[in-house]
Amino acid sequence: RNTNKLRFVEDTSTAQTSVAERKKAMRRRMKERRADNENRDVKETLLTENCLALLNSLLQISKLNKGQEQPSCFVYLSFSSEAPTDKLIENLLSAGVRVYCPRVEGKQMQAVAYGEDFSLSAYGIREPLGEPFEGEIDAVIVPLLAVDTQGNRLGYGGGYYDGFLRKHTQAKRIAYCFDFQVETQVPAEEWDEKMQYIVTDKRGLQVEK
């Protein structure tokens, strides 16, 4: 607008830039904290136990009978300093749960059955080989850098899980992380998909609504 022949331009991107910058700063800080994480083996055992307890309450995985339809669970294959998922996957398979893991094709993330054969992505992340699964997923175990008790999740910025969760709206969304990754508030934008549950090495909880 013009005022006394001086032209003022209103900056509508300030709030957006602020959220983006806060995300960037939190990603950097949480990556550093996660890299310094100790006692990972003990924490993995506790994480696995807490997640299995939650999944049992949601999907009754401990009560599966032979011939009963198996529930399905989408679990990320842990990489670097992420909360490890190998023990969780082993326990789910032993319980008779169908386990699917992520594989990225272009801009999309696919669900592929867990098996013995893997390839490595450009980032060195394990990805299962095989045909993608197009059916319904009962629960999604989601990696993250930070999450808050309102369900706001800070991921890595690629948007792959947001797209996958929008496709599988019926799936239970479970944030899986170390307890120190639970923050008081995580910066979020309107397109960020929220979590419904949080599992850490110390607790399992349903997010505040």
N, C-alpha and C. Protein backbone atom coordinates (compact mmCIF):
# COMPACT_ATOMS: atom_id res chain seq x y z
N ARG A 1 0.83 -1.19 0.00
CA ARG A 1 0.00 0.00 0.00
C ARG A 1 0.88 1.25 0.00
N ASN A 2 0.32 2.41 -0.39
CA ASN A 2 1.07 3.66 -0.41
C ASN A 2 0.63 4.57 0.72
N THR A 3 1.55 5.12 1.48
CA THR A 3 1.26 6.06 2.56
C THR A 3 2.26 7.19 2.50
N ASN A 4 1.75 8.43 2.22
CA ASN A 4 2.64 9.59 2.06
C ASN A 4 3.76 9.31 1.07
N LYS A 5 3.33 8.70 -0.01
CA LYS A 5 4.22 8.40 -1.12
C LYS A 5 5.30 7.37 -0.79
N LEU A 6 5.22 6.78 0.41
CA LEU A 6 6.13 5.70 0.74
C LEU A 6 5.40 4.38 0.57
N ARG A 7 6.05 3.41 -0.03
CA ARG A 7 5.40 2.14 -0.33
C ARG A 7 5.83 1.09 0.68
N PHE A 8 4.85 0.48 1.36
CA PHE A 8 5.13 -0.58 2.32
C PHE A 8 4.65 -1.91 1.76
N VAL A 9 5.49 -2.90 1.86
CA VAL A 9 5.13 -4.23 1.40
C VAL A 9 4.96 -5.12 2.62
N GLU A 10 3.76 -5.66 2.82
CA GLU A 10 3.49 -6.53 3.94
C GLU A 10 4.08 -7.91 3.69
N ASP A 11 4.86 -8.37 4.64
CA ASP A 11 5.52 -9.67 4.52
C ASP A 11 4.62 -10.74 5.10
N THR A 12 4.01 -11.54 4.23
CA THR A 12 3.09 -12.60 4.68
C THR A 12 3.84 -13.90 4.95
N SER A 13 5.15 -13.93 4.69
CA SER A 13 5.90 -15.18 4.86
C SER A 13 6.62 -15.26 6.20
N THR A 14 6.47 -14.22 7.04
CA THR A 14 7.22 -14.17 8.29
C THR A 14 6.93 -15.38 9.18
N ALA A 15 5.64 -15.67 9.39
CA ALA A 15 5.27 -16.79 10.26
C ALA A 15 5.76 -18.10 9.69
N GLN A 16 5.61 -18.26 8.36
CA GLN A 16 6.04 -19.49 7.71
C GLN A 16 7.53 -19.68 7.85
N THR A 17 8.28 -18.61 7.61
CA THR A 17 9.73 -18.67 7.74
C THR A 17 10.11 -19.00 9.17
N SER A 18 9.39 -18.44 10.13
CA SER A 18 9.68 -18.69 11.53
C SER A 18 9.53 -20.18 11.86
N VAL A 19 8.45 -20.80 11.39
CA VAL A 19 8.25 -22.23 11.63
C VAL A 19 9.35 -23.04 10.97
N ALA A 20 9.70 -22.69 9.74
CA ALA A 20 10.75 -23.41 9.02
C ALA A 20 12.09 -23.30 9.75
N GLU A 21 12.40 -22.11 10.25
CA GLU A 21 13.66 -21.91 10.96
C GLU A 21 13.67 -22.65 12.29
N ARG A 22 12.52 -22.67 12.98
CA ARG A 22 12.43 -23.40 14.24
C ARG A 22 12.59 -24.90 14.01
N LYS A 23 12.01 -25.39 12.93
CA LYS A 23 12.18 -26.81 12.58
C LYS A 23 13.65 -27.12 12.31
N LYS A 24 14.29 -26.26 11.56
CA LYS A 24 15.69 -26.47 11.20
C LYS A 24 16.57 -26.52 12.44
N ALA A 25 16.34 -25.57 13.36
CA ALA A 25 17.14 -25.52 14.59
C ALA A 25 16.89 -26.75 15.45
N MET A 26 15.62 -27.18 15.55
CA MET A 26 15.30 -28.35 16.37
C MET A 26 15.87 -29.62 15.75
N ARG A 27 15.84 -29.73 14.44
CA ARG A 27 16.44 -30.90 13.79
C ARG A 27 17.92 -31.00 14.12
N ARG A 28 18.60 -29.89 14.03
CA ARG A 28 20.04 -29.89 14.31
C ARG A 28 20.31 -30.29 15.75
N ARG A 29 19.55 -29.72 16.68
CA ARG A 29 19.75 -30.01 18.11
C ARG A 29 19.43 -31.46 18.44
N MET A 30 18.33 -31.99 17.88
CA MET A 30 17.94 -33.35 18.20
C MET A 30 18.86 -34.38 17.57
N LYS A 31 19.39 -34.09 16.41
CA LYS A 31 20.36 -35.00 15.81
C LYS A 31 21.61 -35.11 16.68
N GLU A 32 22.03 -34.00 17.25
CA GLU A 32 23.19 -34.01 18.14
C GLU A 32 22.90 -34.79 19.41
N ARG A 33 21.71 -34.58 20.00
CA ARG A 33 21.35 -35.30 21.22
C ARG A 33 21.24 -36.79 20.96
N ARG A 34 20.66 -37.14 19.84
CA ARG A 34 20.46 -38.56 19.53
C ARG A 34 21.79 -39.25 19.27
N ALA A 35 22.74 -38.52 18.68
CA ALA A 35 24.05 -39.10 18.41
C ALA A 35 24.82 -39.39 19.70
N ASP A 36 24.53 -38.61 20.76
CA ASP A 36 25.20 -38.79 22.05
C ASP A 36 24.46 -39.75 22.97
N ASN A 37 23.42 -40.36 22.48
CA ASN A 37 22.58 -41.24 23.29
C ASN A 37 23.36 -42.47 23.77
N GLU A 38 23.19 -42.81 25.05
CA GLU A 38 23.90 -43.95 25.63
C GLU A 38 22.91 -45.07 26.00
N ASN A 39 23.48 -46.22 26.31
CA ASN A 39 22.69 -47.40 26.75
C ASN A 39 21.61 -47.77 25.74
N ARG A 40 21.97 -47.77 24.48
CA ARG A 40 20.99 -48.02 23.42
C ARG A 40 20.41 -49.44 23.51
N ASP A 41 21.22 -50.42 23.90
CA ASP A 41 20.72 -51.80 23.97
C ASP A 41 19.61 -51.93 25.01
N VAL A 42 19.83 -51.32 26.17
CA VAL A 42 18.83 -51.36 27.23
C VAL A 42 17.57 -50.63 26.79
N LYS A 43 17.75 -49.48 26.17
CA LYS A 43 16.61 -48.68 25.73
C LYS A 43 15.84 -49.39 24.62
N GLU A 44 16.55 -50.11 23.76
CA GLU A 44 15.86 -50.85 22.70
C GLU A 44 14.94 -51.91 23.30
N THR A 45 15.42 -52.61 24.32
CA THR A 45 14.60 -53.62 24.97
C THR A 45 13.35 -53.00 25.58
N LEU A 46 13.50 -51.87 26.25
CA LEU A 46 12.37 -51.19 26.87
C LEU A 46 11.40 -50.63 25.82
N LEU A 47 11.96 -50.08 24.75
CA LEU A 47 11.13 -49.60 23.65
C LEU A 47 10.29 -50.73 23.07
N THR A 48 10.93 -51.86 22.83
CA THR A 48 10.23 -53.01 22.26
C THR A 48 9.10 -53.47 23.17
N GLU A 49 9.38 -53.59 24.46
CA GLU A 49 8.36 -54.04 25.42
C GLU A 49 7.19 -53.07 25.47
N ASN A 50 7.48 -51.78 25.50
CA ASN A 50 6.41 -50.78 25.59
C ASN A 50 5.57 -50.74 24.31
N CYS A 51 6.22 -50.91 23.17
CA CYS A 51 5.49 -50.88 21.90
C CYS A 51 4.62 -52.13 21.76
N LEU A 52 5.16 -53.27 22.15
CA LEU A 52 4.37 -54.50 22.08
C LEU A 52 3.15 -54.42 22.99
N ALA A 53 3.32 -53.81 24.16
CA ALA A 53 2.19 -53.65 25.07
C ALA A 53 1.11 -52.77 24.45
N LEU A 54 1.53 -51.68 23.79
CA LEU A 54 0.56 -50.80 23.15
C LEU A 54 -0.13 -51.50 21.99
N LEU A 55 0.65 -52.18 21.15
CA LEU A 55 0.07 -52.88 20.00
C LEU A 55 -0.86 -53.99 20.44
N ASN A 56 -0.54 -54.60 21.57
CA ASN A 56 -1.43 -55.65 22.08
C ASN A 56 -2.77 -55.07 22.49
N SER A 57 -2.75 -53.88 23.09
CA SER A 57 -4.01 -53.25 23.48
C SER A 57 -4.80 -52.77 22.28
N LEU A 58 -4.09 -52.40 21.21
CA LEU A 58 -4.77 -51.90 20.01
C LEU A 58 -5.20 -53.01 19.07
N LEU A 59 -4.34 -54.03 18.91
CA LEU A 59 -4.57 -55.06 17.90
C LEU A 59 -4.72 -56.47 18.48
N GLN A 60 -4.58 -56.61 19.80
CA GLN A 60 -4.68 -57.92 20.47
C GLN A 60 -3.72 -58.94 19.85
N ILE A 61 -2.47 -58.55 19.66
CA ILE A 61 -1.53 -59.43 18.97
C ILE A 61 -1.14 -60.65 19.79
N SER A 62 -1.33 -60.61 21.10
CA SER A 62 -0.97 -61.77 21.92
C SER A 62 -2.07 -62.84 21.90
N LYS A 63 -3.21 -62.53 21.28
CA LYS A 63 -4.34 -63.45 21.28
C LYS A 63 -4.63 -64.01 19.89
N LEU A 64 -3.66 -63.92 18.99
CA LEU A 64 -3.88 -64.41 17.64
C LEU A 64 -3.98 -65.93 17.63
N ASN A 65 -5.00 -66.43 16.99
CA ASN A 65 -5.18 -67.87 16.84
C ASN A 65 -4.83 -68.29 15.42
N LYS A 66 -4.47 -69.56 15.28
CA LYS A 66 -4.15 -70.09 13.96
C LYS A 66 -5.36 -69.96 13.05
N GLY A 67 -5.13 -69.42 11.87
CA GLY A 67 -6.22 -69.24 10.92
C GLY A 67 -6.90 -67.90 11.05
N GLN A 68 -6.61 -67.19 12.15
CA GLN A 68 -7.20 -65.86 12.34
C GLN A 68 -6.51 -64.86 11.43
N GLU A 69 -7.25 -63.88 10.95
CA GLU A 69 -6.65 -62.86 10.10
C GLU A 69 -5.56 -62.11 10.86
N GLN A 70 -4.41 -62.03 10.26
CA GLN A 70 -3.27 -61.40 10.92
C GLN A 70 -3.33 -59.89 10.79
N PRO A 71 -3.11 -59.16 11.88
CA PRO A 71 -3.01 -57.72 11.75
C PRO A 71 -1.72 -57.34 11.03
N SER A 72 -1.69 -56.14 10.48
CA SER A 72 -0.52 -55.68 9.74
C SER A 72 0.09 -54.46 10.41
N CYS A 73 1.40 -54.41 10.36
CA CYS A 73 2.12 -53.31 10.99
C CYS A 73 3.23 -52.83 10.05
N PHE A 74 3.27 -51.55 9.82
CA PHE A 74 4.29 -50.92 8.97
C PHE A 74 5.37 -50.37 9.90
N VAL A 75 6.59 -50.88 9.76
CA VAL A 75 7.67 -50.52 10.67
C VAL A 75 8.89 -50.05 9.88
N TYR A 76 9.43 -48.91 10.26
CA TYR A 76 10.64 -48.43 9.58
C TYR A 76 11.84 -49.30 9.96
N LEU A 77 12.78 -49.41 9.04
CA LEU A 77 14.02 -50.13 9.29
C LEU A 77 15.04 -49.10 9.80
N SER A 78 15.37 -49.21 11.07
CA SER A 78 16.16 -48.17 11.73
C SER A 78 17.53 -47.98 11.08
N PHE A 79 17.96 -46.73 11.11
CA PHE A 79 19.20 -46.32 10.45
C PHE A 79 19.94 -45.36 11.37
N SER A 80 21.27 -45.50 11.43
CA SER A 80 22.12 -44.58 12.19
C SER A 80 21.67 -44.52 13.65
N SER A 81 21.37 -43.33 14.17
CA SER A 81 21.06 -43.16 15.60
C SER A 81 19.58 -43.22 15.90
N GLU A 82 18.75 -43.63 14.94
CA GLU A 82 17.32 -43.75 15.17
C GLU A 82 17.02 -44.79 16.25
N ALA A 83 15.87 -44.65 16.88
CA ALA A 83 15.42 -45.69 17.81
C ALA A 83 15.36 -47.02 17.07
N PRO A 84 16.11 -48.03 17.51
CA PRO A 84 16.22 -49.29 16.75
C PRO A 84 14.92 -50.10 16.74
N THR A 85 14.68 -50.73 15.61
CA THR A 85 13.42 -51.48 15.44
C THR A 85 13.62 -52.98 15.17
N ASP A 86 14.85 -53.46 15.12
CA ASP A 86 15.08 -54.87 14.75
C ASP A 86 14.43 -55.84 15.73
N LYS A 87 14.57 -55.59 17.03
CA LYS A 87 13.94 -56.48 18.02
C LYS A 87 12.42 -56.40 17.94
N LEU A 88 11.90 -55.21 17.69
CA LEU A 88 10.46 -55.05 17.56
C LEU A 88 9.93 -55.88 16.40
N ILE A 89 10.61 -55.81 15.26
CA ILE A 89 10.19 -56.56 14.08
C ILE A 89 10.22 -58.06 14.36
N GLU A 90 11.29 -58.54 15.00
CA GLU A 90 11.41 -59.96 15.32
C GLU A 90 10.24 -60.43 16.18
N ASN A 91 9.90 -59.62 17.19
CA ASN A 91 8.80 -59.98 18.08
C ASN A 91 7.45 -59.95 17.38
N LEU A 92 7.26 -58.99 16.50
CA LEU A 92 5.99 -58.91 15.76
C LEU A 92 5.83 -60.12 14.84
N LEU A 93 6.89 -60.50 14.16
CA LEU A 93 6.83 -61.66 13.27
C LEU A 93 6.55 -62.93 14.07
N SER A 94 7.19 -63.05 15.23
CA SER A 94 6.99 -64.23 16.09
C SER A 94 5.55 -64.32 16.58
N ALA A 95 4.92 -63.13 16.74
CA ALA A 95 3.53 -63.10 17.22
C ALA A 95 2.53 -63.34 16.10
N GLY A 96 3.02 -63.43 14.86
CA GLY A 96 2.12 -63.68 13.74
C GLY A 96 1.62 -62.43 13.05
N VAL A 97 2.25 -61.29 13.34
CA VAL A 97 1.85 -60.03 12.71
C VAL A 97 2.51 -59.92 11.33
N ARG A 98 1.76 -59.44 10.36
CA ARG A 98 2.34 -59.16 9.03
C ARG A 98 3.10 -57.85 9.11
N VAL A 99 4.40 -57.89 8.81
CA VAL A 99 5.25 -56.70 8.93
C VAL A 99 5.63 -56.19 7.54
N TYR A 100 5.38 -54.92 7.32
CA TYR A 100 5.77 -54.25 6.09
C TYR A 100 6.74 -53.11 6.43
N CYS A 101 7.64 -52.85 5.52
CA CYS A 101 8.66 -51.82 5.75
C CYS A 101 8.70 -50.86 4.56
N PRO A 102 9.25 -49.66 4.75
CA PRO A 102 9.20 -48.65 3.70
C PRO A 102 10.24 -48.84 2.60
N ARG A 103 9.79 -48.52 1.39
CA ARG A 103 10.69 -48.40 0.25
C ARG A 103 10.26 -47.16 -0.53
N VAL A 104 11.20 -46.31 -0.83
CA VAL A 104 10.90 -45.06 -1.52
C VAL A 104 11.06 -45.24 -3.03
N GLU A 105 10.01 -44.87 -3.75
CA GLU A 105 10.02 -44.88 -5.21
C GLU A 105 9.64 -43.47 -5.67
N GLY A 106 10.61 -42.72 -6.16
CA GLY A 106 10.33 -41.34 -6.56
C GLY A 106 9.97 -40.51 -5.35
N LYS A 107 8.77 -39.94 -5.36
CA LYS A 107 8.29 -39.11 -4.25
C LYS A 107 7.36 -39.89 -3.31
N GLN A 108 7.15 -41.17 -3.60
CA GLN A 108 6.21 -41.97 -2.84
C GLN A 108 6.92 -43.00 -1.97
N MET A 109 6.33 -43.30 -0.83
CA MET A 109 6.84 -44.36 0.03
C MET A 109 5.89 -45.54 -0.04
N GLN A 110 6.43 -46.71 -0.34
CA GLN A 110 5.63 -47.92 -0.50
C GLN A 110 5.81 -48.84 0.71
N ALA A 111 4.82 -49.68 0.93
CA ALA A 111 4.90 -50.72 1.95
C ALA A 111 5.27 -52.03 1.26
N VAL A 112 6.36 -52.65 1.70
CA VAL A 112 6.83 -53.91 1.13
C VAL A 112 7.03 -54.90 2.27
N ALA A 113 6.60 -56.13 2.07
CA ALA A 113 6.71 -57.14 3.11
C ALA A 113 8.15 -57.33 3.55
N TYR A 114 8.35 -57.43 4.86
CA TYR A 114 9.68 -57.68 5.43
C TYR A 114 10.13 -59.07 5.02
N GLY A 115 11.38 -59.17 4.61
CA GLY A 115 11.93 -60.46 4.21
C GLY A 115 13.43 -60.48 4.41
N GLU A 116 14.08 -61.42 3.78
CA GLU A 116 15.52 -61.56 3.96
C GLU A 116 16.33 -60.74 2.96
N ASP A 117 15.69 -60.27 1.91
CA ASP A 117 16.42 -59.56 0.85
C ASP A 117 16.17 -58.06 0.92
N PHE A 118 17.26 -57.31 0.89
CA PHE A 118 17.18 -55.85 0.97
C PHE A 118 18.12 -55.22 -0.05
N SER A 119 17.80 -53.99 -0.37
CA SER A 119 18.74 -53.15 -1.11
C SER A 119 19.04 -51.96 -0.23
N LEU A 120 20.03 -51.16 -0.62
CA LEU A 120 20.36 -49.96 0.14
C LEU A 120 19.99 -48.73 -0.68
N SER A 121 19.34 -47.79 -0.03
CA SER A 121 18.98 -46.54 -0.71
C SER A 121 20.23 -45.69 -0.90
N ALA A 122 20.06 -44.56 -1.56
CA ALA A 122 21.18 -43.64 -1.77
C ALA A 122 21.74 -43.13 -0.44
N TYR A 123 20.92 -43.19 0.63
CA TYR A 123 21.36 -42.73 1.95
C TYR A 123 21.89 -43.87 2.82
N GLY A 124 21.93 -45.09 2.25
CA GLY A 124 22.41 -46.24 3.01
C GLY A 124 21.37 -46.89 3.88
N ILE A 125 20.09 -46.59 3.64
CA ILE A 125 19.00 -47.15 4.43
C ILE A 125 18.52 -48.46 3.81
N ARG A 126 18.32 -49.48 4.61
CA ARG A 126 17.82 -50.75 4.10
C ARG A 126 16.40 -50.59 3.57
N GLU A 127 16.15 -51.20 2.42
CA GLU A 127 14.82 -51.20 1.83
C GLU A 127 14.49 -52.61 1.35
N PRO A 128 13.32 -53.13 1.69
CA PRO A 128 12.97 -54.50 1.31
C PRO A 128 12.71 -54.64 -0.18
N LEU A 129 13.05 -55.80 -0.71
CA LEU A 129 12.77 -56.12 -2.10
C LEU A 129 11.43 -56.84 -2.19
N GLY A 130 10.79 -56.72 -3.32
CA GLY A 130 9.51 -57.40 -3.50
C GLY A 130 8.45 -56.45 -4.02
N GLU A 131 7.25 -56.99 -4.23
CA GLU A 131 6.14 -56.20 -4.74
C GLU A 131 5.53 -55.35 -3.63
N PRO A 132 5.15 -54.12 -3.93
CA PRO A 132 4.51 -53.28 -2.91
C PRO A 132 3.14 -53.80 -2.51
N PHE A 133 2.80 -53.62 -1.26
CA PHE A 133 1.51 -54.03 -0.71
C PHE A 133 0.55 -52.85 -0.81
N GLU A 134 -0.64 -53.08 -1.36
CA GLU A 134 -1.61 -52.00 -1.57
C GLU A 134 -2.80 -52.09 -0.62
N GLY A 135 -2.77 -53.06 0.28
CA GLY A 135 -3.91 -53.24 1.19
C GLY A 135 -3.87 -52.30 2.38
N GLU A 136 -4.77 -52.55 3.34
CA GLU A 136 -4.85 -51.72 4.52
C GLU A 136 -3.75 -52.06 5.52
N ILE A 137 -3.31 -51.04 6.23
CA ILE A 137 -2.30 -51.19 7.28
C ILE A 137 -2.98 -50.86 8.61
N ASP A 138 -2.78 -51.71 9.61
CA ASP A 138 -3.43 -51.49 10.90
C ASP A 138 -2.68 -50.50 11.79
N ALA A 139 -1.36 -50.51 11.75
CA ALA A 139 -0.57 -49.60 12.58
C ALA A 139 0.71 -49.21 11.85
N VAL A 140 1.12 -47.98 12.04
CA VAL A 140 2.34 -47.46 11.41
C VAL A 140 3.28 -46.99 12.51
N ILE A 141 4.48 -47.56 12.55
CA ILE A 141 5.51 -47.17 13.50
C ILE A 141 6.39 -46.13 12.81
N VAL A 142 6.36 -44.91 13.33
CA VAL A 142 6.93 -43.77 12.62
C VAL A 142 8.22 -43.29 13.28
N PRO A 143 9.29 -43.10 12.51
CA PRO A 143 10.53 -42.52 13.04
C PRO A 143 10.40 -41.00 13.15
N LEU A 144 11.29 -40.40 13.92
CA LEU A 144 11.20 -38.95 14.09
C LEU A 144 12.45 -38.40 14.76
N LEU A 145 12.53 -37.08 14.75
CA LEU A 145 13.56 -36.39 15.51
C LEU A 145 12.99 -35.84 16.81
N ALA A 146 11.73 -35.43 16.78
CA ALA A 146 11.07 -34.93 17.99
C ALA A 146 9.56 -35.07 17.83
N VAL A 147 8.88 -35.12 18.97
CA VAL A 147 7.42 -35.19 18.98
C VAL A 147 6.94 -34.53 20.27
N ASP A 148 5.73 -33.97 20.28
CA ASP A 148 5.17 -33.43 21.51
C ASP A 148 3.90 -34.18 21.87
N THR A 149 3.38 -33.92 23.06
CA THR A 149 2.24 -34.70 23.55
C THR A 149 0.92 -34.32 22.88
N GLN A 150 0.97 -33.34 21.97
CA GLN A 150 -0.20 -33.04 21.13
C GLN A 150 -0.16 -33.81 19.82
N GLY A 151 0.93 -34.59 19.62
CA GLY A 151 1.05 -35.41 18.43
C GLY A 151 1.79 -34.78 17.28
N ASN A 152 2.31 -33.57 17.48
CA ASN A 152 3.10 -32.93 16.42
C ASN A 152 4.45 -33.60 16.31
N ARG A 153 4.80 -34.00 15.10
CA ARG A 153 6.03 -34.76 14.85
C ARG A 153 6.99 -33.96 13.99
N LEU A 154 8.26 -33.97 14.37
CA LEU A 154 9.31 -33.39 13.54
C LEU A 154 10.06 -34.51 12.86
N GLY A 155 9.90 -34.62 11.54
CA GLY A 155 10.61 -35.64 10.78
C GLY A 155 11.87 -35.07 10.14
N TYR A 156 12.21 -35.60 8.99
CA TYR A 156 13.45 -35.20 8.34
C TYR A 156 13.23 -34.20 7.21
N GLY A 157 11.98 -33.87 6.93
CA GLY A 157 11.69 -32.83 5.96
C GLY A 157 11.32 -33.31 4.57
N GLY A 158 11.32 -34.63 4.36
CA GLY A 158 11.01 -35.14 3.03
C GLY A 158 9.53 -35.27 2.74
N GLY A 159 8.72 -35.38 3.78
CA GLY A 159 7.28 -35.51 3.61
C GLY A 159 6.79 -36.89 3.23
N TYR A 160 7.67 -37.90 3.26
CA TYR A 160 7.28 -39.24 2.82
C TYR A 160 6.23 -39.86 3.76
N TYR A 161 6.46 -39.72 5.06
CA TYR A 161 5.51 -40.30 6.01
C TYR A 161 4.19 -39.55 6.02
N ASP A 162 4.24 -38.23 5.83
CA ASP A 162 2.99 -37.47 5.74
C ASP A 162 2.13 -37.99 4.59
N GLY A 163 2.76 -38.20 3.44
CA GLY A 163 2.04 -38.73 2.28
C GLY A 163 1.51 -40.14 2.53
N PHE A 164 2.31 -40.98 3.16
CA PHE A 164 1.90 -42.35 3.43
C PHE A 164 0.73 -42.39 4.40
N LEU A 165 0.78 -41.55 5.44
CA LEU A 165 -0.29 -41.53 6.43
C LEU A 165 -1.59 -40.98 5.85
N ARG A 166 -1.48 -40.05 4.93
CA ARG A 166 -2.69 -39.54 4.28
C ARG A 166 -3.34 -40.61 3.41
N LYS A 167 -2.55 -41.53 2.92
CA LYS A 167 -3.07 -42.63 2.11
C LYS A 167 -3.69 -43.71 2.99
N HIS A 168 -3.15 -43.89 4.20
CA HIS A 168 -3.62 -44.94 5.11
C HIS A 168 -4.25 -44.28 6.34
N THR A 169 -5.39 -43.67 6.13
CA THR A 169 -6.02 -42.88 7.20
C THR A 169 -6.54 -43.73 8.35
N GLN A 170 -6.81 -45.02 8.09
CA GLN A 170 -7.36 -45.88 9.13
C GLN A 170 -6.29 -46.43 10.06
N ALA A 171 -5.02 -46.31 9.69
CA ALA A 171 -3.93 -46.89 10.48
C ALA A 171 -3.69 -46.13 11.78
N LYS A 172 -3.38 -46.85 12.84
CA LYS A 172 -2.97 -46.24 14.09
C LYS A 172 -1.57 -45.65 13.91
N ARG A 173 -1.37 -44.42 14.31
CA ARG A 173 -0.10 -43.73 14.08
C ARG A 173 0.70 -43.68 15.37
N ILE A 174 1.83 -44.37 15.37
CA ILE A 174 2.61 -44.51 16.60
C ILE A 174 4.00 -43.89 16.41
N ALA A 175 4.27 -42.83 17.17
CA ALA A 175 5.61 -42.24 17.17
C ALA A 175 6.51 -43.11 18.05
N TYR A 176 7.67 -43.47 17.53
CA TYR A 176 8.56 -44.43 18.19
C TYR A 176 9.92 -43.76 18.39
N CYS A 177 10.31 -43.54 19.64
CA CYS A 177 11.52 -42.73 19.86
C CYS A 177 12.06 -42.93 21.27
N PHE A 178 13.22 -42.34 21.52
CA PHE A 178 13.77 -42.28 22.87
C PHE A 178 13.02 -41.20 23.65
N ASP A 179 12.98 -41.36 24.97
CA ASP A 179 12.16 -40.46 25.77
C ASP A 179 12.61 -39.00 25.68
N PHE A 180 13.90 -38.77 25.50
CA PHE A 180 14.37 -37.38 25.43
C PHE A 180 13.92 -36.68 24.15
N GLN A 181 13.36 -37.42 23.21
CA GLN A 181 12.88 -36.82 21.98
C GLN A 181 11.46 -36.25 22.11
N VAL A 182 10.83 -36.48 23.26
CA VAL A 182 9.52 -35.90 23.51
C VAL A 182 9.71 -34.47 24.02
N GLU A 183 9.29 -33.51 23.23
CA GLU A 183 9.46 -32.10 23.54
C GLU A 183 8.15 -31.49 24.04
N THR A 184 8.27 -30.34 24.70
CA THR A 184 7.08 -29.63 25.17
C THR A 184 6.24 -29.15 23.99
N GLN A 185 6.93 -28.64 22.97
CA GLN A 185 6.22 -28.16 21.77
C GLN A 185 7.10 -28.35 20.55
N VAL A 186 6.52 -28.90 19.51
CA VAL A 186 7.22 -29.11 18.24
C VAL A 186 6.58 -28.21 17.19
N PRO A 187 7.37 -27.41 16.46
CA PRO A 187 6.79 -26.55 15.42
C PRO A 187 6.15 -27.39 14.33
N ALA A 188 4.96 -26.99 13.91
CA ALA A 188 4.22 -27.78 12.93
C ALA A 188 3.52 -26.87 11.94
N GLU A 189 3.31 -27.41 10.74
CA GLU A 189 2.59 -26.70 9.69
C GLU A 189 1.32 -27.49 9.35
N GLU A 190 0.43 -26.86 8.60
CA GLU A 190 -0.90 -27.44 8.40
C GLU A 190 -0.86 -28.78 7.67
N TRP A 191 0.17 -29.03 6.90
CA TRP A 191 0.25 -30.29 6.16
C TRP A 191 0.96 -31.40 6.94
N ASP A 192 1.47 -31.11 8.11
CA ASP A 192 2.14 -32.13 8.92
C ASP A 192 1.11 -33.05 9.57
N GLU A 193 1.24 -34.34 9.34
CA GLU A 193 0.31 -35.31 9.90
C GLU A 193 0.65 -35.59 11.37
N LYS A 194 -0.38 -35.63 12.21
CA LYS A 194 -0.18 -35.83 13.64
C LYS A 194 -0.14 -37.31 14.02
N MET A 195 0.54 -37.57 15.13
CA MET A 195 0.60 -38.90 15.71
C MET A 195 -0.58 -39.09 16.67
N GLN A 196 -0.96 -40.35 16.89
CA GLN A 196 -2.02 -40.68 17.84
C GLN A 196 -1.47 -41.26 19.14
N TYR A 197 -0.31 -41.90 19.05
CA TYR A 197 0.31 -42.53 20.22
C TYR A 197 1.81 -42.26 20.19
N ILE A 198 2.42 -42.30 21.36
CA ILE A 198 3.87 -42.13 21.48
C ILE A 198 4.40 -43.28 22.33
N VAL A 199 5.45 -43.94 21.84
CA VAL A 199 6.12 -44.99 22.59
C VAL A 199 7.58 -44.61 22.75
N THR A 200 8.07 -44.64 23.99
CA THR A 200 9.48 -44.39 24.26
C THR A 200 10.02 -45.52 25.13
N ASP A 201 11.28 -45.40 25.53
CA ASP A 201 11.87 -46.39 26.41
C ASP A 201 11.36 -46.28 27.85
N LYS A 202 10.59 -45.22 28.14
CA LYS A 202 10.06 -45.02 29.49
C LYS A 202 8.55 -45.09 29.59
N ARG A 203 7.84 -44.97 28.48
CA ARG A 203 6.38 -44.88 28.56
C ARG A 203 5.72 -45.12 27.21
N GLY A 204 4.43 -45.35 27.28
CA GLY A 204 3.57 -45.38 26.11
C GLY A 204 2.35 -44.55 26.42
N LEU A 205 1.97 -43.66 25.55
CA LEU A 205 0.85 -42.79 25.86
C LEU A 205 0.06 -42.42 24.61
N GLN A 206 -1.19 -42.07 24.85
CA GLN A 206 -2.04 -41.54 23.80
C GLN A 206 -1.91 -40.03 23.81
N VAL A 207 -1.82 -39.43 22.63
CA VAL A 207 -1.58 -37.99 22.59
C VAL A 207 -2.80 -37.22 23.07
N GLU A 208 -2.57 -36.01 23.53
CA GLU A 208 -3.64 -35.14 23.99
C GLU A 208 -4.45 -34.66 22.80
N LYS A 209 -5.77 -34.59 22.94
CA LYS A 209 -6.63 -34.15 21.86
C LYS A 209 -7.11 -32.73 22.13
